[in-house]
Amino acid sequence: MNSKKKVSIAVIRRLPRYYRYLSDLLKMDITRISSKELSARMGITASQIRQDLNCFGGFGQQGYGYNVEYLYNEIGKILGVDKKFNTIIIGAGNMGQALANYGNFEKRGYHLVGIFDVNPKIIGKKIKNIEIMHIDKIEEFLKENKVDIAILTVPYEHTPEVADRVARLGIKGLWNFSPMDLKLPYDVVIENVHLSDSLMVLGYRLKEKFGRVEDKTQNE
């Protein structure tokens, strides 16, 4: 891959899906696959698949297709799953606890090393043998531990303050579950996750598929 080549964010957002489908293929002992066959499984055109993968060198051979294991490993490297990112969670409510218990973090290279909150009722409790600490201890913790990513599951109104605080302390990546589109004037990478957006898209698709039938029934 040409390191100077700018790859669009749309292509990057499709890579985890390729990675997931390739993982399924490996579990089925499928060793090679064509772009046409992958297209049929994923619902993406074969042309789009080839264009996406060509951004990183192509990986396929004409007349052979793609070596599934090789492609899976190469996309994993592109996505950084072969690296280890030390991660903390700030906000140990329902969402924070669910994320802390999510088993795939470790498999994807994200090592949870700390959990922080302000609620005295949960301070000192442990999740996966990690003690929940008061956020006032975060400065000391980050000085003593190398941390790459902070997952933010704090209330909307506290998100900018908490994000600014950890960015100033050297955190380079933020996974933000607040409803706001977080932006900071620092050299930090932010991935905003809006679960409600996905839910509303589902609602739209349900309405498009079934809503007109219901409307017709109600009018009869």
C-alpha atoms as a PDB file:
ATOM      1  CA  MET A   1       0.000   0.000   0.000  1.00  0.00           C
ATOM      2  CA  ASN A   2       1.186   3.505  -0.839  1.00  0.00           C
ATOM      3  CA  SER A   3       1.314   5.249   2.541  1.00  0.00           C
ATOM      4  CA  LYS A   4       0.794   8.626   0.851  1.00  0.00           C
ATOM      5  CA  LYS A   5      -2.446   7.533  -0.774  1.00  0.00           C
ATOM      6  CA  LYS A   6      -5.523   8.980   0.893  1.00  0.00           C
ATOM      7  CA  VAL A   7      -8.201   6.352   1.415  1.00  0.00           C
ATOM      8  CA  SER A   8     -11.762   7.585   1.822  1.00  0.00           C
ATOM      9  CA  ILE A   9     -13.510   7.101   5.150  1.00  0.00           C
ATOM     10  CA  ALA A  10     -16.294   5.240   3.307  1.00  0.00           C
ATOM     11  CA  VAL A  11     -13.804   2.543   2.284  1.00  0.00           C
ATOM     12  CA  ILE A  12     -12.350   2.379   5.803  1.00  0.00           C
ATOM     13  CA  ARG A  13     -15.828   1.893   7.274  1.00  0.00           C
ATOM     14  CA  ARG A  14     -16.396  -1.100   4.989  1.00  0.00           C
ATOM     15  CA  LEU A  15     -13.180  -2.868   6.026  1.00  0.00           C
ATOM     16  CA  PRO A  16     -14.496  -4.246   9.359  1.00  0.00           C
ATOM     17  CA  ARG A  17     -17.378  -5.813   7.451  1.00  0.00           C
ATOM     18  CA  TYR A  18     -14.957  -7.532   5.059  1.00  0.00           C
ATOM     19  CA  TYR A  19     -12.979  -8.696   8.066  1.00  0.00           C
ATOM     20  CA  ARG A  20     -16.085 -10.160   9.691  1.00  0.00           C
ATOM     21  CA  TYR A  21     -17.230 -11.990   6.557  1.00  0.00           C
ATOM     22  CA  LEU A  22     -13.747 -13.365   5.925  1.00  0.00           C
ATOM     23  CA  SER A  23     -13.678 -14.648   9.513  1.00  0.00           C
ATOM     24  CA  ASP A  24     -16.923 -16.521   8.826  1.00  0.00           C
ATOM     25  CA  LEU A  25     -15.449 -17.994   5.643  1.00  0.00           C
ATOM     26  CA  LEU A  26     -12.429 -19.284   7.561  1.00  0.00           C
ATOM     27  CA  LYS A  27     -14.734 -20.958  10.071  1.00  0.00           C
ATOM     28  CA  MET A  28     -16.387 -22.733   7.138  1.00  0.00           C
ATOM     29  CA  ASP A  29     -12.964 -23.880   5.853  1.00  0.00           C
ATOM     30  CA  ILE A  30     -13.321 -21.836   2.648  1.00  0.00           C
ATOM     31  CA  THR A  31      -9.785 -21.092   1.483  1.00  0.00           C
ATOM     32  CA  ARG A  32     -10.391 -18.914  -1.554  1.00  0.00           C
ATOM     33  CA  ILE A  33     -13.201 -16.788  -2.924  1.00  0.00           C
ATOM     34  CA  SER A  34     -13.831 -14.598  -5.956  1.00  0.00           C
ATOM     35  CA  SER A  35     -15.068 -11.022  -5.770  1.00  0.00           C
ATOM     36  CA  LYS A  36     -18.320 -12.241  -7.369  1.00  0.00           C
ATOM     37  CA  GLU A  37     -18.847 -14.877  -4.673  1.00  0.00           C
ATOM     38  CA  LEU A  38     -17.974 -12.408  -1.916  1.00  0.00           C
ATOM     39  CA  SER A  39     -20.346  -9.920  -3.510  1.00  0.00           C
ATOM     40  CA  ALA A  40     -23.227 -12.403  -3.322  1.00  0.00           C
ATOM     41  CA  ARG A  41     -22.570 -12.987   0.388  1.00  0.00           C
ATOM     42  CA  MET A  42     -22.122  -9.355   1.387  1.00  0.00           C
ATOM     43  CA  GLY A  43     -24.589  -7.560  -0.855  1.00  0.00           C
ATOM     44  CA  ILE A  44     -21.845  -5.293  -2.224  1.00  0.00           C
ATOM     45  CA  THR A  45     -21.044  -5.233  -5.936  1.00  0.00           C
ATOM     46  CA  ALA A  46     -17.973  -7.152  -7.069  1.00  0.00           C
ATOM     47  CA  SER A  47     -16.713  -3.945  -8.665  1.00  0.00           C
ATOM     48  CA  GLN A  48     -16.964  -2.116  -5.315  1.00  0.00           C
ATOM     49  CA  ILE A  49     -15.074  -4.905  -3.557  1.00  0.00           C
ATOM     50  CA  ARG A  50     -12.254  -4.780  -6.092  1.00  0.00           C
ATOM     51  CA  GLN A  51     -12.098  -0.981  -5.905  1.00  0.00           C
ATOM     52  CA  ASP A  52     -11.973  -1.037  -2.101  1.00  0.00           C
ATOM     53  CA  LEU A  53      -9.231  -3.662  -1.922  1.00  0.00           C
ATOM     54  CA  ASN A  54      -7.231  -2.002  -4.699  1.00  0.00           C
ATOM     55  CA  CYS A  55      -6.812   0.980  -2.372  1.00  0.00           C
ATOM     56  CA  PHE A  56      -4.471  -1.272  -0.374  1.00  0.00           C
ATOM     57  CA  GLY A  57      -2.808  -3.233  -3.151  1.00  0.00           C
ATOM     58  CA  GLY A  58      -5.563  -5.495  -4.477  1.00  0.00           C
ATOM     59  CA  PHE A  59      -4.632  -8.843  -2.833  1.00  0.00           C
ATOM     60  CA  GLY A  60      -6.368 -10.928  -5.529  1.00  0.00           C
ATOM     61  CA  GLN A  61      -5.120 -12.923  -8.508  1.00  0.00           C
ATOM     62  CA  GLN A  62      -6.980 -13.040 -11.807  1.00  0.00           C
ATOM     63  CA  GLY A  63      -8.490 -16.466 -12.308  1.00  0.00           C
ATOM     64  CA  TYR A  64      -7.925 -17.401  -8.671  1.00  0.00           C
ATOM     65  CA  GLY A  65      -9.708 -14.780  -6.616  1.00  0.00           C
ATOM     66  CA  TYR A  66      -8.673 -14.057  -3.046  1.00  0.00           C
ATOM     67  CA  ASN A  67      -6.840 -16.247  -0.583  1.00  0.00           C
ATOM     68  CA  VAL A  68      -9.257 -15.938   2.334  1.00  0.00           C
ATOM     69  CA  GLU A  69      -6.757 -16.355   5.170  1.00  0.00           C
ATOM     70  CA  TYR A  70      -4.221 -13.991   3.594  1.00  0.00           C
ATOM     71  CA  LEU A  71      -6.858 -11.340   2.902  1.00  0.00           C
ATOM     72  CA  TYR A  72      -8.265 -11.707   6.418  1.00  0.00           C
ATOM     73  CA  ASN A  73      -4.812 -11.216   7.956  1.00  0.00           C
ATOM     74  CA  GLU A  74      -3.930  -8.266   5.714  1.00  0.00           C
ATOM     75  CA  ILE A  75      -7.186  -6.431   6.441  1.00  0.00           C
ATOM     76  CA  GLY A  76      -6.591  -7.137  10.125  1.00  0.00           C
ATOM     77  CA  LYS A  77      -3.203  -5.433   9.874  1.00  0.00           C
ATOM     78  CA  ILE A  78      -4.740  -2.450   8.091  1.00  0.00           C
ATOM     79  CA  LEU A  79      -7.335  -2.153  10.867  1.00  0.00           C
ATOM     80  CA  GLY A  80      -4.660  -2.503  13.540  1.00  0.00           C
ATOM     81  CA  VAL A  81      -5.992  -5.688  15.149  1.00  0.00           C
ATOM     82  CA  ASP A  82      -2.422  -6.995  15.311  1.00  0.00           C
ATOM     83  CA  LYS A  83      -1.569  -4.066  17.611  1.00  0.00           C
ATOM     84  CA  LYS A  84      -2.469  -3.712  21.263  1.00  0.00           C
ATOM     85  CA  PHE A  85      -4.257  -0.546  22.349  1.00  0.00           C
ATOM     86  CA  ASN A  86      -4.536   0.071  26.078  1.00  0.00           C
ATOM     87  CA  THR A  87      -8.036   1.336  26.717  1.00  0.00           C
ATOM     88  CA  ILE A  88     -10.012   2.915  29.552  1.00  0.00           C
ATOM     89  CA  ILE A  89     -13.745   3.410  30.016  1.00  0.00           C
ATOM     90  CA  ILE A  90     -15.049   6.630  31.528  1.00  0.00           C
ATOM     91  CA  GLY A  91     -18.606   6.199  32.731  1.00  0.00           C
ATOM     92  CA  ALA A  92     -19.467   2.880  34.375  1.00  0.00           C
ATOM     93  CA  GLY A  93     -23.240   3.006  34.004  1.00  0.00           C
ATOM     94  CA  ASN A  94     -25.212   0.431  32.036  1.00  0.00           C
ATOM     95  CA  MET A  95     -23.476   1.188  28.731  1.00  0.00           C
ATOM     96  CA  GLY A  96     -20.010   1.362  30.262  1.00  0.00           C
ATOM     97  CA  GLN A  97     -20.472  -1.923  32.099  1.00  0.00           C
ATOM     98  CA  ALA A  98     -21.805  -3.628  28.984  1.00  0.00           C
ATOM     99  CA  LEU A  99     -18.758  -2.494  27.014  1.00  0.00           C
ATOM    100  CA  ALA A 100     -16.411  -3.567  29.812  1.00  0.00           C
ATOM    101  CA  ASN A 101     -17.914  -7.061  29.652  1.00  0.00           C
ATOM    102  CA  TYR A 102     -17.708  -7.252  25.861  1.00  0.00           C
ATOM    103  CA  GLY A 103     -15.434 -10.195  25.068  1.00  0.00           C
ATOM    104  CA  ASN A 104     -14.376  -9.189  21.556  1.00  0.00           C
ATOM    105  CA  PHE A 105     -12.302  -6.216  22.728  1.00  0.00           C
ATOM    106  CA  GLU A 106      -9.313  -8.377  23.564  1.00  0.00           C
ATOM    107  CA  LYS A 107      -9.668 -10.336  20.314  1.00  0.00           C
ATOM    108  CA  ARG A 108      -9.495  -7.090  18.359  1.00  0.00           C
ATOM    109  CA  GLY A 109      -6.436  -5.811  20.192  1.00  0.00           C
ATOM    110  CA  TYR A 110      -8.099  -3.510  22.728  1.00  0.00           C
ATOM    111  CA  HIS A 111      -6.840  -4.179  26.249  1.00  0.00           C
ATOM    112  CA  LEU A 112      -9.051  -2.701  28.969  1.00  0.00           C
ATOM    113  CA  VAL A 113      -6.841  -1.372  31.757  1.00  0.00           C
ATOM    114  CA  GLY A 114      -9.047   1.048  33.694  1.00  0.00           C
ATOM    115  CA  ILE A 115     -12.636   2.073  34.435  1.00  0.00           C
ATOM    116  CA  PHE A 116     -13.663   5.432  35.912  1.00  0.00           C
ATOM    117  CA  ASP A 117     -16.848   6.982  37.269  1.00  0.00           C
ATOM    118  CA  VAL A 118     -18.095   9.499  39.853  1.00  0.00           C
ATOM    119  CA  ASN A 119     -20.887   7.436  41.424  1.00  0.00           C
ATOM    120  CA  PRO A 120     -19.854   6.513  45.015  1.00  0.00           C
ATOM    121  CA  LYS A 121     -22.163   3.469  44.906  1.00  0.00           C
ATOM    122  CA  ILE A 122     -20.017   1.722  42.295  1.00  0.00           C
ATOM    123  CA  ILE A 123     -16.527   3.092  43.094  1.00  0.00           C
ATOM    124  CA  GLY A 124     -14.410   0.162  44.274  1.00  0.00           C
ATOM    125  CA  LYS A 125     -16.503  -2.489  42.563  1.00  0.00           C
ATOM    126  CA  LYS A 126     -14.811  -4.681  39.951  1.00  0.00           C
ATOM    127  CA  ILE A 127     -15.673  -5.620  36.397  1.00  0.00           C
ATOM    128  CA  LYS A 128     -13.540  -8.423  34.969  1.00  0.00           C
ATOM    129  CA  ASN A 129     -11.159  -7.914  37.881  1.00  0.00           C
ATOM    130  CA  ILE A 130     -10.728  -4.206  37.077  1.00  0.00           C
ATOM    131  CA  GLU A 131     -11.637  -1.903  39.938  1.00  0.00           C
ATOM    132  CA  ILE A 132     -13.835   1.082  39.140  1.00  0.00           C
ATOM    133  CA  MET A 133     -11.945   4.201  40.215  1.00  0.00           C
ATOM    134  CA  HIS A 134     -13.095   7.754  40.823  1.00  0.00           C
ATOM    135  CA  ILE A 135     -12.384   9.990  37.867  1.00  0.00           C
ATOM    136  CA  ASP A 136     -10.328  12.270  40.099  1.00  0.00           C
ATOM    137  CA  LYS A 137      -7.642   9.564  40.003  1.00  0.00           C
ATOM    138  CA  ILE A 138      -7.407   9.636  36.215  1.00  0.00           C
ATOM    139  CA  GLU A 139      -4.484  12.073  36.048  1.00  0.00           C
ATOM    140  CA  GLU A 140      -2.376   9.886  38.309  1.00  0.00           C
ATOM    141  CA  PHE A 141      -3.431   6.740  36.447  1.00  0.00           C
ATOM    142  CA  LEU A 142      -2.517   8.144  33.023  1.00  0.00           C
ATOM    143  CA  LYS A 143       0.868   9.290  34.287  1.00  0.00           C
ATOM    144  CA  GLU A 144       1.645   5.792  35.537  1.00  0.00           C
ATOM    145  CA  ASN A 145       0.105   3.840  32.637  1.00  0.00           C
ATOM    146  CA  LYS A 146       0.335   4.123  28.871  1.00  0.00           C
ATOM    147  CA  VAL A 147      -3.218   4.492  27.609  1.00  0.00           C
ATOM    148  CA  ASP A 148      -4.111   4.944  23.941  1.00  0.00           C
ATOM    149  CA  ILE A 149      -7.910   5.105  23.888  1.00  0.00           C
ATOM    150  CA  ALA A 150     -10.674   6.393  26.146  1.00  0.00           C
ATOM    151  CA  ILE A 151     -14.234   5.132  25.715  1.00  0.00           C
ATOM    152  CA  LEU A 152     -16.685   7.830  26.785  1.00  0.00           C
ATOM    153  CA  THR A 153     -20.082   6.763  28.124  1.00  0.00           C
ATOM    154  CA  VAL A 154     -20.777   9.840  30.219  1.00  0.00           C
ATOM    155  CA  PRO A 155     -23.890  12.072  30.212  1.00  0.00           C
ATOM    156  CA  TYR A 156     -24.246  14.464  27.273  1.00  0.00           C
ATOM    157  CA  GLU A 157     -23.559  17.615  29.275  1.00  0.00           C
ATOM    158  CA  HIS A 158     -20.287  16.261  30.707  1.00  0.00           C
ATOM    159  CA  THR A 159     -18.858  14.878  27.458  1.00  0.00           C
ATOM    160  CA  PRO A 160     -16.894  17.964  26.272  1.00  0.00           C
ATOM    161  CA  GLU A 161     -15.323  18.499  29.704  1.00  0.00           C
ATOM    162  CA  VAL A 162     -14.264  14.863  30.123  1.00  0.00           C
ATOM    163  CA  ALA A 163     -13.015  14.603  26.535  1.00  0.00           C
ATOM    164  CA  ASP A 164     -10.970  17.785  26.888  1.00  0.00           C
ATOM    165  CA  ARG A 165      -9.531  16.527  30.163  1.00  0.00           C
ATOM    166  CA  VAL A 166      -8.236  13.220  28.816  1.00  0.00           C
ATOM    167  CA  ALA A 167      -7.054  14.732  25.524  1.00  0.00           C
ATOM    168  CA  ARG A 168      -4.910  17.187  27.483  1.00  0.00           C
ATOM    169  CA  LEU A 169      -3.479  14.213  29.379  1.00  0.00           C
ATOM    170  CA  GLY A 170      -2.266  12.582  26.177  1.00  0.00           C
ATOM    171  CA  ILE A 171      -5.078  10.245  25.100  1.00  0.00           C
ATOM    172  CA  LYS A 172      -4.888   9.906  21.298  1.00  0.00           C
ATOM    173  CA  GLY A 173      -8.168   8.129  20.542  1.00  0.00           C
ATOM    174  CA  LEU A 174     -11.723   8.700  21.783  1.00  0.00           C
ATOM    175  CA  TRP A 175     -14.656   6.349  21.222  1.00  0.00           C
ATOM    176  CA  ASN A 176     -17.566   8.600  22.058  1.00  0.00           C
ATOM    177  CA  PHE A 177     -21.018   7.184  22.874  1.00  0.00           C
ATOM    178  CA  SER A 178     -22.524  10.553  23.739  1.00  0.00           C
ATOM    179  CA  PRO A 179     -25.314  11.801  21.410  1.00  0.00           C
ATOM    180  CA  MET A 180     -23.135  14.780  20.437  1.00  0.00           C
ATOM    181  CA  ASP A 181     -20.668  14.911  17.557  1.00  0.00           C
ATOM    182  CA  LEU A 182     -17.582  15.581  19.627  1.00  0.00           C
ATOM    183  CA  LYS A 183     -14.819  17.790  18.236  1.00  0.00           C
ATOM    184  CA  LEU A 184     -11.636  18.909  19.982  1.00  0.00           C
ATOM    185  CA  PRO A 185      -8.813  21.298  19.042  1.00  0.00           C
ATOM    186  CA  TYR A 186      -6.168  18.667  19.756  1.00  0.00           C
ATOM    187  CA  ASP A 187      -4.296  16.000  17.848  1.00  0.00           C
ATOM    188  CA  VAL A 188      -6.783  13.288  18.821  1.00  0.00           C
ATOM    189  CA  VAL A 189      -8.786  10.829  16.713  1.00  0.00           C
ATOM    190  CA  ILE A 190     -12.499  10.751  17.563  1.00  0.00           C
ATOM    191  CA  GLU A 191     -15.022   8.117  16.552  1.00  0.00           C
ATOM    192  CA  ASN A 192     -18.559   9.227  17.394  1.00  0.00           C
ATOM    193  CA  VAL A 193     -21.028   6.370  17.856  1.00  0.00           C
ATOM    194  CA  HIS A 194     -24.732   7.207  17.618  1.00  0.00           C
ATOM    195  CA  LEU A 195     -26.795   4.127  18.456  1.00  0.00           C
ATOM    196  CA  SER A 196     -30.048   6.054  18.077  1.00  0.00           C
ATOM    197  CA  ASP A 197     -29.144   6.924  14.468  1.00  0.00           C
ATOM    198  CA  SER A 198     -28.909   3.243  13.611  1.00  0.00           C
ATOM    199  CA  LEU A 199     -32.207   2.587  15.387  1.00  0.00           C
ATOM    200  CA  MET A 200     -33.935   5.350  13.408  1.00  0.00           C
ATOM    201  CA  VAL A 201     -32.564   3.939  10.158  1.00  0.00           C
ATOM    202  CA  LEU A 202     -34.126   0.626  11.161  1.00  0.00           C
ATOM    203  CA  GLY A 203     -37.399   2.441  11.805  1.00  0.00           C
ATOM    204  CA  TYR A 204     -37.271   4.060   8.358  1.00  0.00           C
ATOM    205  CA  ARG A 205     -36.587   0.716   6.669  1.00  0.00           C
ATOM    206  CA  LEU A 206     -39.459  -0.932   8.566  1.00  0.00           C
ATOM    207  CA  LYS A 207     -41.797   1.866   7.539  1.00  0.00           C
ATOM    208  CA  GLU A 208     -40.723   1.609   3.897  1.00  0.00           C
ATOM    209  CA  LYS A 209     -41.162  -2.163   3.844  1.00  0.00           C
ATOM    210  CA  PHE A 210     -44.278  -2.596   5.965  1.00  0.00           C
ATOM    211  CA  GLY A 211     -45.714   0.839   6.744  1.00  0.00           C
ATOM    212  CA  ARG A 212     -47.680   1.302   3.520  1.00  0.00           C
ATOM    213  CA  VAL A 213     -49.415  -2.046   4.009  1.00  0.00           C
ATOM    214  CA  GLU A 214     -50.464  -1.029   7.533  1.00  0.00           C
ATOM    215  CA  ASP A 215     -51.686   2.374   6.315  1.00  0.00           C
ATOM    216  CA  LYS A 216     -53.778   0.672   3.652  1.00  0.00           C
ATOM    217  CA  THR A 217     -55.264  -1.764   6.200  1.00  0.00           C
ATOM    218  CA  GLN A 218     -56.177   1.047   8.575  1.00  0.00           C
ATOM    219  CA  ASN A 219     -57.951   2.970   5.790  1.00  0.00           C
ATOM    220  CA  GLU A 220     -60.121   0.012   4.763  1.00  0.00           C
END
